Amino acid sequence: MKQKILLLHGALGSRKQFTALAQELESTYEVHTLNFEGHGGSVSSSEFSMAVFSKNVIDYLDAKNIQSAAVFGYS
């Protein structure tokens, strides 16, 4: 079983920015990406905040039943 890795985009970015990197990592990792609320074409009724984005990550991990993952992100 491959180790999971979650790739997190920066402000005003999207998960699409990781397409090439994800393809490179697929042989070693189970790659996961997400769009933060209000990014990548999604609409948000919340103000941008670390609390909202942290909840986005937790909700994604819970929905995918991911207990542990390496994380890479940029801002």
PDB file of N, CA and C in Angstrom:
ATOM      1  N   MET A   1       0.844  -1.185   0.000  1.00  0.00           N
ATOM      2  CA  MET A   1       0.000   0.000   0.000  1.00  0.00           C
ATOM      3  C   MET A   1       0.888   1.247   0.000  1.00  0.00           C
ATOM      4  N   LYS A   2       0.580   2.179  -0.894  1.00  0.00           N
ATOM      5  CA  LYS A   2       1.360   3.407  -1.002  1.00  0.00           C
ATOM      6  C   LYS A   2       1.007   4.382   0.113  1.00  0.00           C
ATOM      7  N   GLN A   3       2.013   5.153   0.520  1.00  0.00           N
ATOM      8  CA  GLN A   3       1.769   6.236   1.469  1.00  0.00           C
ATOM      9  C   GLN A   3       0.937   7.303   0.764  1.00  0.00           C
ATOM     10  N   LYS A   4       0.049   7.913   1.486  1.00  0.00           N
ATOM     11  CA  LYS A   4      -0.791   8.977   0.946  1.00  0.00           C
ATOM     12  C   LYS A   4      -0.075  10.314   1.076  1.00  0.00           C
ATOM     13  N   ILE A   5      -0.292  11.184   0.080  1.00  0.00           N
ATOM     14  CA  ILE A   5       0.223  12.549   0.150  1.00  0.00           C
ATOM     15  C   ILE A   5      -0.893  13.495  -0.283  1.00  0.00           C
ATOM     16  N   LEU A   6      -1.032  14.568   0.459  1.00  0.00           N
ATOM     17  CA  LEU A   6      -2.034  15.591   0.174  1.00  0.00           C
ATOM     18  C   LEU A   6      -1.308  16.849  -0.286  1.00  0.00           C
ATOM     19  N   LEU A   7      -1.634  17.306  -1.488  1.00  0.00           N
ATOM     20  CA  LEU A   7      -1.016  18.500  -2.058  1.00  0.00           C
ATOM     21  C   LEU A   7      -1.975  19.676  -1.890  1.00  0.00           C
ATOM     22  N   LEU A   8      -1.507  20.739  -1.252  1.00  0.00           N
ATOM     23  CA  LEU A   8      -2.349  21.900  -0.943  1.00  0.00           C
ATOM     24  C   LEU A   8      -1.858  23.134  -1.701  1.00  0.00           C
ATOM     25  N   HIS A   9      -2.736  23.701  -2.513  1.00  0.00           N
ATOM     26  CA  HIS A   9      -2.385  24.879  -3.305  1.00  0.00           C
ATOM     27  C   HIS A   9      -2.375  26.141  -2.449  1.00  0.00           C
ATOM     28  N   GLY A  10      -1.771  27.183  -2.985  1.00  0.00           N
ATOM     29  CA  GLY A  10      -1.699  28.468  -2.303  1.00  0.00           C
ATOM     30  C   GLY A  10      -2.912  29.340  -2.578  1.00  0.00           C
ATOM     31  N   ALA A  11      -2.874  30.527  -2.024  1.00  0.00           N
ATOM     32  CA  ALA A  11      -3.980  31.482  -2.138  1.00  0.00           C
ATOM     33  C   ALA A  11      -4.322  31.746  -3.607  1.00  0.00           C
ATOM     34  N   LEU A  12      -5.605  31.681  -3.894  1.00  0.00           N
ATOM     35  CA  LEU A  12      -6.182  31.921  -5.216  1.00  0.00           C
ATOM     36  C   LEU A  12      -5.728  30.911  -6.269  1.00  0.00           C
ATOM     37  N   GLY A  13      -5.136  29.800  -5.823  1.00  0.00           N
ATOM     38  CA  GLY A  13      -4.722  28.742  -6.726  1.00  0.00           C
ATOM     39  C   GLY A  13      -5.822  27.700  -6.880  1.00  0.00           C
ATOM     40  N   SER A  14      -5.449  26.547  -7.406  1.00  0.00           N
ATOM     41  CA  SER A  14      -6.382  25.437  -7.521  1.00  0.00           C
ATOM     42  C   SER A  14      -5.612  24.123  -7.572  1.00  0.00           C
ATOM     43  N   ARG A  15      -6.342  23.045  -7.392  1.00  0.00           N
ATOM     44  CA  ARG A  15      -5.739  21.716  -7.424  1.00  0.00           C
ATOM     45  C   ARG A  15      -5.135  21.405  -8.784  1.00  0.00           C
ATOM     46  N   LYS A  16      -5.611  22.069  -9.826  1.00  0.00           N
ATOM     47  CA  LYS A  16      -5.101  21.832 -11.183  1.00  0.00           C
ATOM     48  C   LYS A  16      -3.624  22.189 -11.304  1.00  0.00           C
ATOM     49  N   GLN A  17      -3.136  23.059 -10.434  1.00  0.00           N
ATOM     50  CA  GLN A  17      -1.729  23.443 -10.479  1.00  0.00           C
ATOM     51  C   GLN A  17      -0.809  22.268 -10.154  1.00  0.00           C
ATOM     52  N   PHE A  18      -1.361  21.212  -9.583  1.00  0.00           N
ATOM     53  CA  PHE A  18      -0.563  20.053  -9.197  1.00  0.00           C
ATOM     54  C   PHE A  18      -0.647  18.896 -10.184  1.00  0.00           C
ATOM     55  N   THR A  19      -1.253  19.094 -11.335  1.00  0.00           N
ATOM     56  CA  THR A  19      -1.433  17.993 -12.278  1.00  0.00           C
ATOM     57  C   THR A  19      -0.108  17.332 -12.635  1.00  0.00           C
ATOM     58  N   ALA A  20       0.867  18.089 -13.049  1.00  0.00           N
ATOM     59  CA  ALA A  20       2.160  17.524 -13.451  1.00  0.00           C
ATOM     60  C   ALA A  20       2.877  16.879 -12.271  1.00  0.00           C
ATOM     61  N   LEU A  21       2.879  17.550 -11.114  1.00  0.00           N
ATOM     62  CA  LEU A  21       3.534  16.996  -9.930  1.00  0.00           C
ATOM     63  C   LEU A  21       2.851  15.704  -9.494  1.00  0.00           C
ATOM     64  N   ALA A  22       1.535  15.691  -9.509  1.00  0.00           N
ATOM     65  CA  ALA A  22       0.783  14.489  -9.122  1.00  0.00           C
ATOM     66  C   ALA A  22       1.153  13.314 -10.020  1.00  0.00           C
ATOM     67  N   GLN A  23       1.287  13.556 -11.297  1.00  0.00           N
ATOM     68  CA  GLN A  23       1.666  12.483 -12.228  1.00  0.00           C
ATOM     69  C   GLN A  23       3.055  11.950 -11.904  1.00  0.00           C
ATOM     70  N   GLU A  24       3.957  12.817 -11.505  1.00  0.00           N
ATOM     71  CA  GLU A  24       5.318  12.390 -11.136  1.00  0.00           C
ATOM     72  C   GLU A  24       5.321  11.572  -9.839  1.00  0.00           C
ATOM     73  N   LEU A  25       4.429  11.920  -8.927  1.00  0.00           N
ATOM     74  CA  LEU A  25       4.405  11.269  -7.610  1.00  0.00           C
ATOM     75  C   LEU A  25       3.599   9.978  -7.580  1.00  0.00           C
ATOM     76  N   GLU A  26       2.748   9.746  -8.580  1.00  0.00           N
ATOM     77  CA  GLU A  26       1.828   8.602  -8.561  1.00  0.00           C
ATOM     78  C   GLU A  26       2.515   7.254  -8.428  1.00  0.00           C
ATOM     79  N   SER A  27       3.735   7.132  -8.899  1.00  0.00           N
ATOM     80  CA  SER A  27       4.419   5.837  -8.799  1.00  0.00           C
ATOM     81  C   SER A  27       4.843   5.528  -7.371  1.00  0.00           C
ATOM     82  N   THR A  28       4.959   6.559  -6.547  1.00  0.00           N
ATOM     83  CA  THR A  28       5.415   6.389  -5.168  1.00  0.00           C
ATOM     84  C   THR A  28       4.309   6.607  -4.144  1.00  0.00           C
ATOM     85  N   TYR A  29       3.391   7.535  -4.424  1.00  0.00           N
ATOM     86  CA  TYR A  29       2.362   7.937  -3.471  1.00  0.00           C
ATOM     87  C   TYR A  29       0.950   7.752  -4.022  1.00  0.00           C
ATOM     88  N   GLU A  30       0.014   7.632  -3.116  1.00  0.00           N
ATOM     89  CA  GLU A  30      -1.400   7.793  -3.443  1.00  0.00           C
ATOM     90  C   GLU A  30      -1.671   9.287  -3.291  1.00  0.00           C
ATOM     91  N   VAL A  31      -1.787   9.992  -4.400  1.00  0.00           N
ATOM     92  CA  VAL A  31      -1.827  11.451  -4.416  1.00  0.00           C
ATOM     93  C   VAL A  31      -3.262  11.961  -4.245  1.00  0.00           C
ATOM     94  N   HIS A  32      -3.410  12.955  -3.372  1.00  0.00           N
ATOM     95  CA  HIS A  32      -4.697  13.602  -3.139  1.00  0.00           C
ATOM     96  C   HIS A  32      -4.518  15.108  -3.283  1.00  0.00           C
ATOM     97  N   THR A  33      -5.514  15.745  -3.902  1.00  0.00           N
ATOM     98  CA  THR A  33      -5.539  17.201  -4.023  1.00  0.00           C
ATOM     99  C   THR A  33      -6.958  17.672  -3.752  1.00  0.00           C
ATOM    100  N   LEU A  34      -7.099  18.909  -3.402  1.00  0.00           N
ATOM    101  CA  LEU A  34      -8.425  19.487  -3.194  1.00  0.00           C
ATOM    102  C   LEU A  34      -8.378  20.960  -3.535  1.00  0.00           C
ATOM    103  N   ASN A  35      -9.522  21.515  -3.813  1.00  0.00           N
ATOM    104  CA  ASN A  35      -9.649  22.959  -3.956  1.00  0.00           C
ATOM    105  C   ASN A  35     -10.157  23.499  -2.629  1.00  0.00           C
ATOM    106  N   PHE A  36      -9.453  24.479  -2.094  1.00  0.00           N
ATOM    107  CA  PHE A  36      -9.965  25.136  -0.907  1.00  0.00           C
ATOM    108  C   PHE A  36     -11.263  25.854  -1.262  1.00  0.00           C
ATOM    109  N   GLU A  37     -12.092  26.027  -0.276  1.00  0.00           N
ATOM    110  CA  GLU A  37     -13.362  26.741  -0.450  1.00  0.00           C
ATOM    111  C   GLU A  37     -13.092  28.101  -1.089  1.00  0.00           C
ATOM    112  N   GLY A  38     -13.846  28.421  -2.151  1.00  0.00           N
ATOM    113  CA  GLY A  38     -13.677  29.692  -2.833  1.00  0.00           C
ATOM    114  C   GLY A  38     -12.545  29.705  -3.846  1.00  0.00           C
ATOM    115  N   HIS A  39     -11.958  28.554  -4.131  1.00  0.00           N
ATOM    116  CA  HIS A  39     -10.851  28.433  -5.077  1.00  0.00           C
ATOM    117  C   HIS A  39     -11.220  27.430  -6.172  1.00  0.00           C
ATOM    118  N   GLY A  40     -10.524  27.514  -7.287  1.00  0.00           N
ATOM    119  CA  GLY A  40     -10.705  26.531  -8.347  1.00  0.00           C
ATOM    120  C   GLY A  40     -12.105  26.482  -8.911  1.00  0.00           C
ATOM    121  N   GLY A  41     -12.797  27.610  -8.891  1.00  0.00           N
ATOM    122  CA  GLY A  41     -14.136  27.674  -9.446  1.00  0.00           C
ATOM    123  C   GLY A  41     -15.245  27.381  -8.456  1.00  0.00           C
ATOM    124  N   SER A  42     -14.881  27.019  -7.218  1.00  0.00           N
ATOM    125  CA  SER A  42     -15.926  26.779  -6.219  1.00  0.00           C
ATOM    126  C   SER A  42     -16.336  28.094  -5.566  1.00  0.00           C
ATOM    127  N   VAL A  43     -17.561  28.148  -5.145  1.00  0.00           N
ATOM    128  CA  VAL A  43     -18.114  29.345  -4.507  1.00  0.00           C
ATOM    129  C   VAL A  43     -18.057  29.160  -3.001  1.00  0.00           C
ATOM    130  N   SER A  44     -17.853  30.256  -2.302  1.00  0.00           N
ATOM    131  CA  SER A  44     -17.813  30.203  -0.845  1.00  0.00           C
ATOM    132  C   SER A  44     -18.632  31.351  -0.276  1.00  0.00           C
ATOM    133  N   SER A  45     -19.377  31.045   0.761  1.00  0.00           N
ATOM    134  CA  SER A  45     -20.099  32.100   1.467  1.00  0.00           C
ATOM    135  C   SER A  45     -19.327  32.535   2.707  1.00  0.00           C
ATOM    136  N   SER A  46     -18.183  31.913   2.949  1.00  0.00           N
ATOM    137  CA  SER A  46     -17.341  32.238   4.107  1.00  0.00           C
ATOM    138  C   SER A  46     -16.231  33.193   3.694  1.00  0.00           C
ATOM    139  N   GLU A  47     -15.744  33.954   4.654  1.00  0.00           N
ATOM    140  CA  GLU A  47     -14.562  34.775   4.415  1.00  0.00           C
ATOM    141  C   GLU A  47     -13.347  33.860   4.369  1.00  0.00           C
ATOM    142  N   PHE A  48     -12.355  34.224   3.566  1.00  0.00           N
ATOM    143  CA  PHE A  48     -11.125  33.440   3.541  1.00  0.00           C
ATOM    144  C   PHE A  48     -10.476  33.511   4.910  1.00  0.00           C
ATOM    145  N   SER A  49     -10.163  32.360   5.475  1.00  0.00           N
ATOM    146  CA  SER A  49      -9.463  32.323   6.762  1.00  0.00           C
ATOM    147  C   SER A  49      -8.789  30.970   6.912  1.00  0.00           C
ATOM    148  N   MET A  50      -7.779  30.944   7.745  1.00  0.00           N
ATOM    149  CA  MET A  50      -7.082  29.686   8.012  1.00  0.00           C
ATOM    150  C   MET A  50      -8.031  28.672   8.646  1.00  0.00           C
ATOM    151  N   ALA A  51      -8.962  29.147   9.460  1.00  0.00           N
ATOM    152  CA  ALA A  51      -9.922  28.234  10.096  1.00  0.00           C
ATOM    153  C   ALA A  51     -10.791  27.544   9.040  1.00  0.00           C
ATOM    154  N   VAL A  52     -11.248  28.293   8.042  1.00  0.00           N
ATOM    155  CA  VAL A  52     -12.069  27.717   6.966  1.00  0.00           C
ATOM    156  C   VAL A  52     -11.242  26.725   6.162  1.00  0.00           C
ATOM    157  N   PHE A  53     -10.031  27.102   5.801  1.00  0.00           N
ATOM    158  CA  PHE A  53      -9.199  26.224   4.986  1.00  0.00           C
ATOM    159  C   PHE A  53      -8.771  24.980   5.767  1.00  0.00           C
ATOM    160  N   SER A  54      -8.517  25.132   7.049  1.00  0.00           N
ATOM    161  CA  SER A  54      -8.197  23.966   7.885  1.00  0.00           C
ATOM    162  C   SER A  54      -9.376  23.001   7.930  1.00  0.00           C
ATOM    163  N   LYS A  55     -10.574  23.542   8.047  1.00  0.00           N
ATOM    164  CA  LYS A  55     -11.774  22.701   8.050  1.00  0.00           C
ATOM    165  C   LYS A  55     -11.939  21.998   6.709  1.00  0.00           C
ATOM    166  N   ASN A  56     -11.613  22.693   5.606  1.00  0.00           N
ATOM    167  CA  ASN A  56     -11.666  22.062   4.282  1.00  0.00           C
ATOM    168  C   ASN A  56     -10.776  20.825   4.239  1.00  0.00           C
ATOM    169  N   VAL A  57      -9.570  20.933   4.800  1.00  0.00           N
ATOM    170  CA  VAL A  57      -8.637  19.799   4.815  1.00  0.00           C
ATOM    171  C   VAL A  57      -9.193  18.668   5.677  1.00  0.00           C
ATOM    172  N   ILE A  58      -9.644  18.989   6.862  1.00  0.00           N
ATOM    173  CA  ILE A  58     -10.190  17.960   7.759  1.00  0.00           C
ATOM    174  C   ILE A  58     -11.400  17.277   7.125  1.00  0.00           C
ATOM    175  N   ASP A  59     -12.285  18.063   6.526  1.00  0.00           N
ATOM    176  CA  ASP A  59     -13.464  17.486   5.868  1.00  0.00           C
ATOM    177  C   ASP A  59     -13.054  16.564   4.724  1.00  0.00           C
ATOM    178  N   TYR A  60     -12.046  16.954   3.945  1.00  0.00           N
ATOM    179  CA  TYR A  60     -11.573  16.123   2.837  1.00  0.00           C
ATOM    180  C   TYR A  60     -11.009  14.811   3.374  1.00  0.00           C
ATOM    181  N   LEU A  61     -10.145  14.899   4.380  1.00  0.00           N
ATOM    182  CA  LEU A  61      -9.546  13.689   4.954  1.00  0.00           C
ATOM    183  C   LEU A  61     -10.619  12.764   5.519  1.00  0.00           C
ATOM    184  N   ASP A  62     -11.580  13.335   6.203  1.00  0.00           N
ATOM    185  CA  ASP A  62     -12.677  12.532   6.750  1.00  0.00           C
ATOM    186  C   ASP A  62     -13.490  11.868   5.641  1.00  0.00           C
ATOM    187  N   ALA A  63     -13.813  12.616   4.597  1.00  0.00           N
ATOM    188  CA  ALA A  63     -14.619  12.084   3.499  1.00  0.00           C
ATOM    189  C   ALA A  63     -13.906  10.946   2.775  1.00  0.00           C
ATOM    190  N   LYS A  64     -12.580  11.018   2.698  1.00  0.00           N
ATOM    191  CA  LYS A  64     -11.784   9.986   2.029  1.00  0.00           C
ATOM    192  C   LYS A  64     -11.301   8.912   3.002  1.00  0.00           C
ATOM    193  N   ASN A  65     -11.694   9.055   4.276  1.00  0.00           N
ATOM    194  CA  ASN A  65     -11.285   8.117   5.326  1.00  0.00           C
ATOM    195  C   ASN A  65      -9.754   7.984   5.400  1.00  0.00           C
ATOM    196  N   ILE A  66      -9.076   9.117   5.336  1.00  0.00           N
ATOM    197  CA  ILE A  66      -7.615   9.147   5.412  1.00  0.00           C
ATOM    198  C   ILE A  66      -7.220   9.452   6.851  1.00  0.00           C
ATOM    199  N   GLN A  67      -6.518   8.514   7.453  1.00  0.00           N
ATOM    200  CA  GLN A  67      -6.078   8.662   8.842  1.00  0.00           C
ATOM    201  C   GLN A  67      -4.705   9.328   8.953  1.00  0.00           C
ATOM    202  N   SER A  68      -3.872   9.154   7.903  1.00  0.00           N
ATOM    203  CA  SER A  68      -2.514   9.653   7.945  1.00  0.00           C
ATOM    204  C   SER A  68      -2.062   9.963   6.522  1.00  0.00           C
ATOM    205  N   ALA A  69      -1.349  11.080   6.360  1.00  0.00           N
ATOM    206  CA  ALA A  69      -0.834  11.457   5.038  1.00  0.00           C
ATOM    207  C   ALA A  69       0.324  12.430   5.195  1.00  0.00           C
ATOM    208  N   ALA A  70       1.240  12.354   4.258  1.00  0.00           N
ATOM    209  CA  ALA A  70       2.250  13.403   4.135  1.00  0.00           C
ATOM    210  C   ALA A  70       1.528  14.598   3.507  1.00  0.00           C
ATOM    211  N   VAL A  71       2.006  15.799   3.808  1.00  0.00           N
ATOM    212  CA  VAL A  71       1.356  17.007   3.295  1.00  0.00           C
ATOM    213  C   VAL A  71       2.413  17.891   2.659  1.00  0.00           C
ATOM    214  N   PHE A  72       2.095  18.391   1.457  1.00  0.00           N
ATOM    215  CA  PHE A  72       2.936  19.376   0.780  1.00  0.00           C
ATOM    216  C   PHE A  72       2.040  20.542   0.400  1.00  0.00           C
ATOM    217  N   GLY A  73       2.488  21.736   0.679  1.00  0.00           N
ATOM    218  CA  GLY A  73       1.709  22.911   0.317  1.00  0.00           C
ATOM    219  C   GLY A  73       2.614  24.105   0.101  1.00  0.00           C
ATOM    220  N   TYR A  74       2.055  25.128  -0.482  1.00  0.00           N
ATOM    221  CA  TYR A  74       2.798  26.366  -0.704  1.00  0.00           C
ATOM    222  C   TYR A  74       1.851  27.540  -0.542  1.00  0.00           C
ATOM    223  N   SER A  75       2.410  28.706  -0.345  1.00  0.00           N
ATOM    224  CA  SER A  75       1.607  29.921  -0.262  1.00  0.00           C
ATOM    225  C   SER A  75       2.404  31.071  -0.828  1.00  0.00           C
TER     226      SER A  75
END
